[in-house]
Protein backbone atom coordinates (compact mmCIF):
# COMPACT_ATOMS: atom_id res chain seq x y z
CA MET A 1 0.41 -0.26 -0.05
CA GLN A 2 1.47 3.36 -0.90
CA LEU A 3 1.91 6.41 1.08
CA ASN A 4 0.58 8.59 -1.77
CA ASP A 5 -2.67 6.51 -2.18
CA LEU A 6 -3.62 7.17 1.31
CA THR A 7 -3.14 10.86 0.43
CA LEU A 8 -4.88 11.15 -2.63
CA PHE A 9 -7.95 8.98 -0.73
CA VAL A 10 -7.92 11.92 1.62
CA ARG A 11 -7.96 14.85 -0.42
CA VAL A 12 -10.39 13.36 -2.95
CA ALA A 13 -13.09 12.78 0.29
CA ASP A 14 -11.96 16.18 0.62
CA CYS A 15 -12.87 18.11 -2.40
CA GLY A 16 -15.68 15.42 -3.28
CA SER A 17 -13.82 15.18 -7.09
CA LEU A 18 -11.36 13.51 -8.28
CA THR A 19 -9.95 16.45 -10.78
CA GLY A 20 -9.96 19.03 -7.37
CA ALA A 21 -7.51 16.55 -5.58
CA ALA A 22 -5.38 15.47 -8.88
CA VAL A 23 -5.04 19.45 -9.22
CA GLU A 24 -3.99 19.94 -5.88
CA LEU A 25 -1.59 17.36 -5.45
CA ASP A 26 0.00 18.52 -8.69
CA ILE A 27 -0.95 15.09 -10.50
CA SER A 28 -3.08 14.28 -13.91
CA SER A 29 -6.96 12.56 -13.62
CA ALA A 30 -5.35 9.82 -15.01
CA VAL A 31 -2.47 9.18 -12.39
CA ALA A 32 -4.67 9.54 -9.45
CA SER A 33 -7.65 7.50 -10.81
CA ALA A 34 -5.12 4.64 -10.98
CA GLY A 35 -4.20 5.82 -7.44
CA LEU A 36 -7.70 5.16 -6.29
CA LYS A 37 -8.40 1.85 -7.92
CA ARG A 38 -5.42 0.52 -6.80
CA LEU A 39 -6.19 1.26 -3.18
CA GLU A 40 -9.87 -0.07 -3.49
CA LYS A 41 -7.99 -3.35 -5.59
CA GLU A 42 -5.83 -3.74 -2.22
CA LEU A 43 -8.32 -3.06 0.10
CA GLY A 44 -10.96 -5.32 -1.44
CA THR A 45 -13.59 -2.96 -1.18
CA THR A 46 -15.37 0.24 -3.47
CA LEU A 47 -14.40 3.18 -1.61
CA PHE A 48 -16.65 6.11 -3.60
CA ILE A 49 -19.91 5.76 -5.29
CA ARG A 50 -19.01 7.93 -8.62
CA SER A 51 -21.52 9.59 -10.66
CA THR A 52 -20.66 11.74 -14.09
CA ARG A 53 -20.86 14.75 -11.91
CA SER A 54 -19.37 13.71 -8.01
CA LEU A 55 -17.76 11.46 -5.97
CA ARG A 56 -19.69 10.07 -2.52
CA LEU A 57 -17.99 7.94 0.05
CA THR A 58 -19.22 4.78 0.52
CA ASP A 59 -20.33 3.25 3.94
CA ALA A 60 -16.77 1.74 4.16
CA GLY A 61 -15.16 4.74 2.82
CA GLU A 62 -16.40 7.24 5.63
CA ARG A 63 -15.02 4.30 8.25
CA TYR A 64 -12.22 4.04 6.36
CA LEU A 65 -11.21 7.74 6.21
CA ILE A 66 -10.96 8.27 10.06
CA HIS A 67 -8.44 5.57 10.21
CA CYS A 68 -6.87 7.08 7.33
CA ARG A 69 -6.57 10.75 8.56
CA SER A 70 -5.13 9.87 11.84
CA ALA A 71 -2.37 7.46 10.15
CA LEU A 72 -1.30 9.94 7.98
CA ALA A 73 -1.26 12.40 11.21
CA ASP A 74 0.90 9.89 13.29
CA LEU A 75 3.12 9.97 10.19
CA ASP A 76 3.60 13.59 9.89
CA MET A 77 3.71 13.73 13.48
CA GLY A 78 6.76 11.19 13.38
CA GLN A 79 8.61 13.00 10.65
CA ARG A 80 8.48 16.39 12.50
CA ALA A 81 10.03 14.46 15.90
CA ILE A 82 12.79 13.19 14.05
CA ASN A 83 13.58 16.54 11.84
CA SER A 84 13.36 18.49 15.11
CA SER A 85 16.55 17.43 16.43
CA LEU A 86 17.68 19.51 12.59
CA THR A 87 15.41 22.40 12.85
CA GLN A 88 16.30 25.21 14.37
CA ILE A 89 13.94 25.75 17.41
CA SER A 90 12.35 29.76 16.74
CA GLY A 91 9.56 31.39 16.59
CA THR A 92 6.50 32.55 19.50
CA VAL A 93 5.01 29.53 21.56
CA SER A 94 1.53 30.81 23.56
CA LEU A 95 1.64 28.27 26.87
CA ALA A 96 -1.39 28.80 28.96
CA VAL A 97 0.05 27.02 32.88
CA PRO A 98 -2.24 26.96 36.10
CA SER A 99 -1.85 29.30 39.08
CA ASP A 100 -0.41 27.27 41.11
CA VAL A 101 2.26 25.19 39.43
CA GLY A 102 2.46 27.83 37.13
CA ARG A 103 4.00 30.71 39.62
CA ASN A 104 5.74 28.15 41.78
CA VAL A 105 7.01 25.10 40.09
CA VAL A 106 7.24 25.54 36.46
CA LEU A 107 8.54 29.23 35.88
CA PRO A 108 12.34 28.83 36.78
CA TRP A 109 11.71 25.67 34.47
CA LEU A 110 11.05 27.53 31.66
CA ASP A 111 13.56 30.42 31.96
CA GLU A 112 16.31 27.49 31.38
CA PHE A 113 14.09 26.35 28.44
CA LEU A 114 14.07 29.38 26.77
CA ALA A 115 18.01 29.93 27.54
CA LYS A 116 18.30 26.79 25.89
CA TYR A 117 16.41 28.13 22.97
CA PRO A 118 17.13 32.13 22.85
CA GLU A 119 15.35 31.87 18.87
CA LEU A 120 12.32 31.06 20.84
CA ASN A 121 9.53 33.69 22.67
CA LEU A 122 7.49 32.46 24.94
CA ARG A 123 3.48 33.32 25.43
CA LEU A 124 2.77 32.66 29.33
CA HIS A 125 -0.79 32.71 30.25
CA ILE A 126 -1.12 31.77 33.73
CA GLY A 127 -4.73 30.83 35.36
CA ASP A 128 -6.74 28.03 36.48
CA ASN A 129 -9.82 28.81 34.06
CA LEU A 130 -9.61 26.25 30.98
CA SER A 131 -8.34 28.83 27.93
CA ASP A 132 -10.02 28.49 25.03
CA PHE A 133 -7.53 27.65 22.50
CA TYR A 134 -8.80 29.20 19.08
CA ARG A 135 -9.92 32.63 21.50
CA ASP A 136 -6.97 33.06 23.40
CA LYS A 137 -4.92 31.75 20.69
CA ILE A 138 -3.02 29.36 23.37
CA ASP A 139 -0.91 26.75 21.02
CA VAL A 140 -0.42 24.24 23.98
CA ALA A 141 -1.61 24.04 27.47
CA LEU A 142 -1.01 22.16 30.40
CA ARG A 143 -3.79 20.80 32.32
CA SER A 144 -4.52 18.75 35.37
CA GLY A 145 -6.82 15.71 34.72
CA LYS A 146 -6.94 14.17 31.06
CA PRO A 147 -9.47 16.37 28.77
CA LYS A 148 -12.89 14.61 28.02
CA ASP A 149 -12.48 15.95 24.26
CA SER A 150 -11.25 13.70 22.40
CA SER A 151 -10.51 15.93 19.55
CA LEU A 152 -7.35 17.04 21.54
CA VAL A 153 -4.09 15.52 21.49
CA ALA A 154 -2.88 14.80 25.27
CA PHE A 155 0.58 14.45 26.57
CA LYS A 156 0.63 12.77 30.05
CA ILE A 157 3.62 14.38 31.76
CA CYS A 158 3.02 13.08 35.56
CA ASP A 159 0.76 11.03 37.61
CA ALA A 160 0.01 12.91 40.98
CA LYS A 161 -2.55 12.79 43.31
CA ARG A 162 -4.21 15.16 45.65
CA VAL A 163 -3.03 15.30 49.42
CA LEU A 164 -4.71 16.84 52.61
CA CYS A 165 -2.32 19.64 54.76
CA ALA A 166 -2.14 21.90 57.17
CA SER A 167 0.23 24.43 58.85
CA PRO A 168 1.99 23.06 61.89
CA GLU A 169 0.41 26.31 63.53
CA TYR A 170 -3.31 25.42 62.33
CA ILE A 171 -2.61 21.92 64.08
CA GLU A 172 -1.74 22.77 67.05
CA ARG A 173 -4.15 25.16 67.07
CA MET A 174 -7.44 23.11 65.87
CA GLY A 175 -5.91 19.56 65.87
CA ALA A 176 -5.02 17.39 63.38
CA VAL A 177 -7.27 15.62 60.91
CA HIS A 178 -7.67 12.10 61.68
CA SER A 179 -10.41 10.52 60.26
CA LEU A 180 -13.27 11.49 57.34
CA GLU A 181 -15.50 12.52 59.60
CA GLN A 182 -13.43 15.20 61.53
CA LEU A 183 -12.38 16.67 58.30
CA GLN A 184 -15.92 18.27 58.06
CA GLN A 185 -15.34 19.72 61.31
CA HIS A 186 -12.49 21.79 59.90
CA ASN A 187 -12.16 25.02 57.32
CA CYS A 188 -11.58 23.29 54.43
CA LEU A 189 -10.20 25.99 52.11
CA PHE A 190 -11.59 26.35 48.43
CA PHE A 191 -10.96 26.98 44.69
CA MET A 192 -12.75 27.10 42.05
CA LEU A 193 -12.17 25.79 38.21
CA ASP A 194 -14.63 27.18 35.53
CA GLU A 195 -16.41 28.95 38.02
CA ARG A 196 -17.49 25.48 40.14
CA THR A 197 -15.90 25.51 43.19
CA HIS A 198 -13.74 22.44 44.96
CA ASP A 199 -15.88 21.74 47.71
CA GLN A 200 -16.26 17.79 47.45
CA TRP A 201 -13.36 16.24 48.30
CA PHE A 202 -12.44 12.20 46.99
CA PHE A 203 -10.24 9.68 49.21
CA SER A 204 -9.91 5.74 48.52
CA LYS A 205 -8.70 3.54 50.75
CA GLU A 206 -8.25 -0.17 49.89
CA GLY A 207 -10.22 0.09 46.50
CA GLN A 208 -13.58 1.62 48.38
CA GLN A 209 -14.41 5.23 47.39
CA HIS A 210 -15.24 7.95 50.09
CA LYS A 211 -16.78 11.77 49.05
CA VAL A 212 -16.62 13.96 51.50
CA ARG A 213 -18.70 17.75 51.25
CA VAL A 214 -16.79 19.92 53.30
CA SER A 215 -16.95 23.41 54.53
CA SER A 216 -15.13 26.60 54.10
CA ASN A 217 -15.19 30.25 55.23
CA ARG A 218 -13.00 31.59 52.18
CA THR A 219 -12.93 30.70 48.30
CA CYS A 220 -10.80 32.10 45.92
CA ASN A 221 -10.74 31.00 42.06
CA ASP A 222 -7.30 31.52 42.04
CA ALA A 223 -5.57 27.73 43.51
CA ASP A 224 -2.73 29.78 44.61
CA ILE A 225 -4.06 31.60 47.29
CA ALA A 226 -5.94 28.41 48.96
CA ARG A 227 -2.22 27.38 49.29
CA ARG A 228 -1.57 30.58 50.46
CA TRP A 229 -3.92 30.82 53.08
CA ALA A 230 -3.05 27.25 54.23
CA VAL A 231 0.70 27.52 54.68
CA ALA A 232 -0.57 31.27 56.80
CA GLY A 233 -2.54 28.52 59.04
CA GLN A 234 -6.21 29.47 58.18
CA GLY A 235 -7.25 25.94 57.38
CA VAL A 236 -7.38 22.89 55.55
CA VAL A 237 -6.15 22.36 51.84
CA PHE A 238 -6.71 19.90 49.05
CA LYS A 239 -4.03 19.97 46.55
CA SER A 240 -1.82 18.19 44.11
CA TRP A 241 1.28 17.01 45.62
CA LEU A 242 3.23 18.65 42.20
CA ASP A 243 2.10 22.17 44.06
CA LEU A 244 2.54 21.29 48.27
CA THR A 245 6.10 19.85 47.40
CA ASP A 246 8.30 22.57 47.95
CA ASP A 247 5.48 23.91 51.07
CA ILE A 248 5.93 19.99 52.98
CA GLU A 249 9.79 19.56 52.15
CA ALA A 250 10.48 22.83 54.11
CA GLY A 251 7.60 22.29 56.74
CA ARG A 252 5.61 24.71 56.26
CA LEU A 253 2.93 22.28 55.48
CA ILE A 254 2.00 18.72 57.41
CA PRO A 255 0.67 15.85 54.72
CA MET A 256 -2.68 14.09 57.14
CA LEU A 257 -4.93 11.17 56.40
CA THR A 258 -1.96 10.00 54.50
CA ASP A 259 -3.23 6.19 54.87
CA TYR A 260 -6.11 7.41 52.33
CA VAL A 261 -5.25 8.24 48.98
CA GLY A 262 -6.27 11.55 47.64
CA GLU A 263 -7.86 11.50 44.00
CA ASP A 264 -6.01 11.96 40.63
CA ALA A 265 -4.58 14.61 39.32
CA ASP A 266 -2.29 13.99 36.81
CA LEU A 267 -0.53 16.81 34.96
CA TYR A 268 -1.41 16.99 31.19
CA LEU A 269 0.45 18.38 27.62
CA VAL A 270 -2.51 19.42 25.86
CA CYS A 271 -2.94 20.50 22.21
CA PRO A 272 -5.98 21.63 20.07
CA GLY A 273 -4.99 19.00 16.94
CA ARG A 274 -2.18 17.12 15.97
CA GLU A 275 -1.29 19.83 13.93
CA HIS A 276 -0.18 21.55 16.48
CA VAL A 277 2.04 19.51 17.92
CA THR A 278 5.26 21.49 17.01
CA PRO A 279 9.02 20.60 17.48
CA VAL A 280 9.25 22.87 20.62
CA VAL A 281 6.06 21.54 21.72
CA LEU A 282 7.63 17.82 22.12
CA LEU A 283 10.82 19.19 23.03
CA LEU A 284 8.27 20.88 26.02
CA ARG A 285 6.75 17.47 26.63
CA ASP A 286 10.25 15.81 27.39
CA MET A 287 11.29 18.43 29.62
CA LEU A 288 8.17 18.63 32.14
CA ARG A 289 8.51 14.88 31.85
CA THR A 290 12.14 14.84 33.24
CA ARG A 291 11.33 17.59 35.76
CA THR A 292 7.96 16.57 37.49
CA LYS A 293 9.94 13.07 37.92
CA ALA A 294 12.28 14.91 39.67
CA TRP A 295 10.31 17.22 41.66
CA LEU A 296 7.69 14.56 43.03
CA ALA A 297 10.42 12.04 44.02
CA ARG A 298 11.58 14.65 46.37
CA THR A 299 8.21 14.24 48.91
CA ASN A 300 5.71 12.21 46.74
CA ASN A 301 3.78 9.77 48.99
CA ARG A 302 5.77 10.27 52.03
CA LEU A 303 3.83 9.17 54.83
CA ILE A 304 3.73 11.37 58.02
CA LYS A 305 1.98 9.40 61.06
CA ASN A 306 3.06 10.97 64.06
CA ILE A 307 1.08 13.75 63.86
CA PRO A 308 -0.45 14.10 67.50
CA ASN A 309 -3.76 13.88 68.27
CA ARG A 310 -3.86 17.20 70.00
CA GLN A 311 -7.37 19.00 69.73
CA PRO A 312 -7.58 22.52 71.44
CA MET A 313 -8.49 23.79 74.97
CA LYS A 314 -12.00 24.76 74.52
CA SER A 315 -13.87 26.51 77.28
CA VAL A 316 -16.81 28.78 77.86
CA ARG A 317 -16.96 31.60 80.58
CA GLN A 318 -19.50 34.47 81.99
CA ALA A 319 -17.71 37.62 79.99
CA SER A 320 -16.40 40.07 82.66
CA SER A 321 -15.36 43.86 82.29
CA ALA A 322 -12.29 43.25 81.32
CA ASP A 323 -13.37 41.29 78.60
CA LEU A 324 -15.26 43.87 76.97
CA ASP A 325 -12.33 45.37 74.32
CA ARG A 326 -11.68 42.10 72.99
CA ILE A 327 -15.78 41.33 72.36
CA LYS A 328 -15.84 44.81 70.83
CA ARG A 329 -13.10 43.70 68.78
CA LEU A 330 -14.21 40.83 67.88
CA ALA A 331 -17.89 41.93 66.95
CA LYS A 332 -16.13 44.44 64.42
CA GLU A 333 -14.42 41.99 62.66
CA THR A 334 -17.03 39.21 62.15
CA ILE A 335 -19.27 41.83 61.08
CA ASP A 336 -17.19 43.66 58.75
CA LYS A 337 -16.13 40.33 57.16
CA CYS A 338 -19.81 38.54 57.20
CA TYR A 339 -22.26 40.85 57.19
CA ARG A 340 -21.31 42.78 53.54
CA SER A 341 -22.97 39.86 51.67
CA PHE A 342 -26.84 41.14 52.79
CA LEU A 343 -26.38 44.62 54.66
CA GLY A 344 -24.07 45.87 51.88
CA ASP A 345 -20.76 48.51 52.65
CA GLU A 346 -23.01 51.31 53.78
CA GLY A 347 -25.05 49.14 55.87
CA VAL A 348 -21.85 47.19 57.81
CA ASP A 349 -20.07 51.04 57.85
CA TRP A 350 -22.88 52.82 59.07
CA PHE A 351 -23.67 50.32 62.07
CA ILE A 352 -19.71 49.67 63.12
CA ASN A 353 -18.68 53.36 62.87
CA GLY A 354 -21.87 54.64 64.48
CA GLY A 355 -21.47 52.48 67.69
CA GLY A 356 -24.44 50.15 66.90
CA SER A 357 -22.19 47.49 67.47
CA ASP A 358 -20.88 48.52 70.80
CA ARG A 359 -23.59 49.63 72.10
CA GLU A 360 -24.81 45.94 71.44
CA ILE A 361 -22.17 44.65 73.83
CA ASN A 362 -21.92 46.93 76.19
CA GLN A 363 -26.11 46.45 76.87
CA HIS A 364 -25.62 42.55 76.87
CA LEU A 365 -22.43 42.24 78.34
CA GLU A 366 -23.89 40.47 81.75
CA ASP A 367 -25.44 38.19 79.48
CA ILE A 368 -22.61 37.65 77.10
CA VAL A 369 -20.93 34.17 77.93
CA VAL A 370 -17.11 34.03 75.66
CA LEU A 371 -16.02 30.99 73.81
CA GLU A 372 -11.91 30.19 74.69
CA VAL A 373 -9.54 28.55 72.87
CA ASP A 374 -6.12 27.56 74.40
CA GLY A 375 -6.80 30.58 76.88
CA THR A 376 -7.58 33.27 73.70
CA ILE A 377 -11.35 34.78 73.58
CA GLN A 378 -12.50 33.26 69.54
CA GLY A 379 -16.03 33.55 70.01
CA TYR A 380 -19.38 34.80 71.99
CA CYS A 381 -22.82 34.70 72.55
CA ALA A 382 -25.09 36.89 74.41
CA ALA A 383 -28.45 35.14 75.72
CA GLU A 384 -31.12 35.86 78.77
CA GLU A 385 -34.97 34.86 79.38
CA GLY A 386 -34.86 31.94 76.22
CA PHE A 387 -33.78 34.69 73.46
CA ILE A 388 -30.29 35.09 71.84
CA HIS A 389 -29.33 37.88 71.00
CA SER A 390 -26.05 37.21 69.03
CA LEU A 391 -23.37 34.74 68.19
CA MET A 392 -20.11 35.50 66.61
CA ILE A 393 -16.86 33.63 66.46
CA LYS A 394 -13.80 34.67 64.82
CA PRO A 395 -13.95 34.55 60.84
CA GLN A 396 -10.85 32.89 60.19
CA LEU A 397 -12.36 30.06 62.58
CA GLN A 398 -16.18 29.64 61.44
CA GLY A 399 -16.42 26.41 59.44
CA THR A 400 -14.47 24.54 62.23
CA GLY A 401 -17.42 23.25 64.32
CA LEU A 402 -16.15 26.30 67.23
CA GLY A 403 -19.86 27.67 66.31
CA GLY A 404 -21.74 24.35 66.97
CA TYR A 405 -19.80 23.93 70.06
CA LEU A 406 -20.39 27.27 71.13
CA LEU A 407 -24.10 27.14 70.81
CA ALA A 408 -24.76 23.84 72.40
CA GLN A 409 -23.44 25.36 75.31
CA VAL A 410 -25.59 28.35 75.25
CA GLU A 411 -28.84 26.30 74.93
CA ALA A 412 -27.58 23.78 77.77
CA MET A 413 -27.66 27.16 79.93
CA GLN A 414 -30.74 28.06 79.07
CA HIS A 415 -32.56 24.59 79.43
CA ALA A 416 -30.59 24.16 83.09
CA GLN A 417 -32.41 27.76 83.60
CA GLY A 418 -35.51 26.21 82.96
CA TYR A 419 -36.14 27.40 79.63
CA GLU A 420 -38.07 24.66 77.03
CA HIS A 421 -37.30 26.39 73.77
CA LEU A 422 -35.09 29.05 72.77
CA ARG A 423 -35.84 32.22 70.32
CA LEU A 424 -33.79 34.30 68.17
CA GLU A 425 -33.61 36.51 64.87
CA THR A 426 -32.15 37.15 61.81
CA PHE A 427 -32.36 38.01 58.38
CA LYS A 428 -33.43 35.68 55.45
CA ALA A 429 -30.48 37.36 53.46
CA ASN A 430 -28.16 36.18 55.68
CA GLU A 431 -28.30 32.52 54.32
CA GLN A 432 -24.72 31.85 56.27
CA ALA A 433 -26.84 32.21 59.63
CA LEU A 434 -29.99 30.45 58.76
CA ASN A 435 -27.84 27.32 57.02
CA PHE A 436 -25.84 27.12 60.24
CA TYR A 437 -28.96 27.04 62.70
CA GLN A 438 -30.93 24.85 61.15
CA LYS A 439 -28.23 22.16 61.25
CA GLN A 440 -27.66 22.69 64.62
CA GLY A 441 -31.61 21.58 64.60
CA TRP A 442 -33.79 25.79 65.13
CA SER A 443 -36.35 25.68 62.87
CA ILE A 444 -38.42 28.78 61.07
CA ALA A 445 -41.26 30.10 63.15
CA THR A 446 -42.15 32.89 60.90
CA GLU A 447 -40.77 36.02 58.73
CA GLU A 448 -41.85 39.81 58.23
CA ARG A 449 -40.24 42.48 56.65
CA ASP A 450 -38.10 44.85 58.44
CA GLU A 451 -38.70 48.49 56.59
CA SER A 452 -35.84 49.86 58.38
CA PHE A 453 -33.82 47.46 57.13
CA GLY A 454 -35.45 46.85 53.97
CA LEU A 455 -34.81 42.80 54.57
CA VAL A 456 -37.05 40.14 55.71
CA ARG A 457 -36.17 39.60 59.40
CA VAL A 458 -36.65 35.94 60.07
CA PHE A 459 -38.00 34.49 63.42
CA MET A 460 -36.24 31.14 64.38
CA ARG A 461 -37.10 28.56 67.07
CA LYS A 462 -36.11 25.15 68.82
CA ILE A 463 -37.17 22.93 71.23
CA LEU A 464 -34.86 21.62 73.86
CA ASP A 465 -34.80 18.09 75.03
């Protein structure tokens, strides 16, 4: 079977005309006709239905065309691979990379790559949203996970898994994660990929798959920020070993739950089509495979099991006048960070700067109990005569279970005073508070519109056991 006959077959199919294909290939119509007949004879089937005006593929021809295109593309790519060492590497390549691995891992590798090929220019796109190859004019992209689009050409760069980590400071303050159930009580740092929040974390152990829906007080569309938050002690992160290798080796982050295997985060180098697999792309592929293998070998699959199973010392006590300033600061910080979504900037600033927050603390100081974690006030709750005025937890610790712990203590105190049910009020727009109380067993009793705030006020109730 001659290669020229395969090329002729594809061109005839594209042109729908034997004469048109002959002109494009710069051969005579007689030579083209002979080549097509020779191919059909070797295959033992008819590839085209001929008429006086045109050619139309048979069913067999349709099926064969798919494989023929693929075979020719593979041969072309192989030819370019052979010639790559003989070709001067020059021109411009547009490369898209994820935020974290781009900034913290790949960037110095690319510097060395460009130094080796001084005639090459690089256009680098950094971000976690998947680039549109044609709209964004991307030649090649690094992506986590194998693309679902079969029309793309994907070279696997490395096998990688996600690993659960937290900083030593966070573990000292909040305790390590020793089970999937405990994970739900921790602040799990979120990042978004193509507008989808990564709030379901997948693990496997002994062939069993486990899915954990986790919660967080912070989300970012840049995965590098989630890593930085974790290093700063703001919560637990679940990212690729590739992203966290430096931090783990330096002791800034400590792997946890290492008896489980995290979900796949394999890295691929992706092109929009075979015609984009240039010598530069092949060189990039080989460089990245070598570099990532050495990078992961430093810490990949390191098992750190001797994490102290320390739980923070928590206590609830009656507030005193000595706590006043700390409670006021905590209230203002929580209102500033958590209330803007429904009160707006103007409402929050007015309430804080106008003294409304301070007045509430002064009025209810004798009814306030504070939550101390390792001797530091991290939350408070004001409650009297079966009514909860407010409950505040330091913003950085929301989602860690401390709010539920404090509320349970206050409910027990109110029950001990003889109250069989408790009441509180919040705003319907404060979805975070509504979700929190409903998870703690509270239910909505009534709703009414508050004209002074322009919001719907929600009254909630809980029957005490």
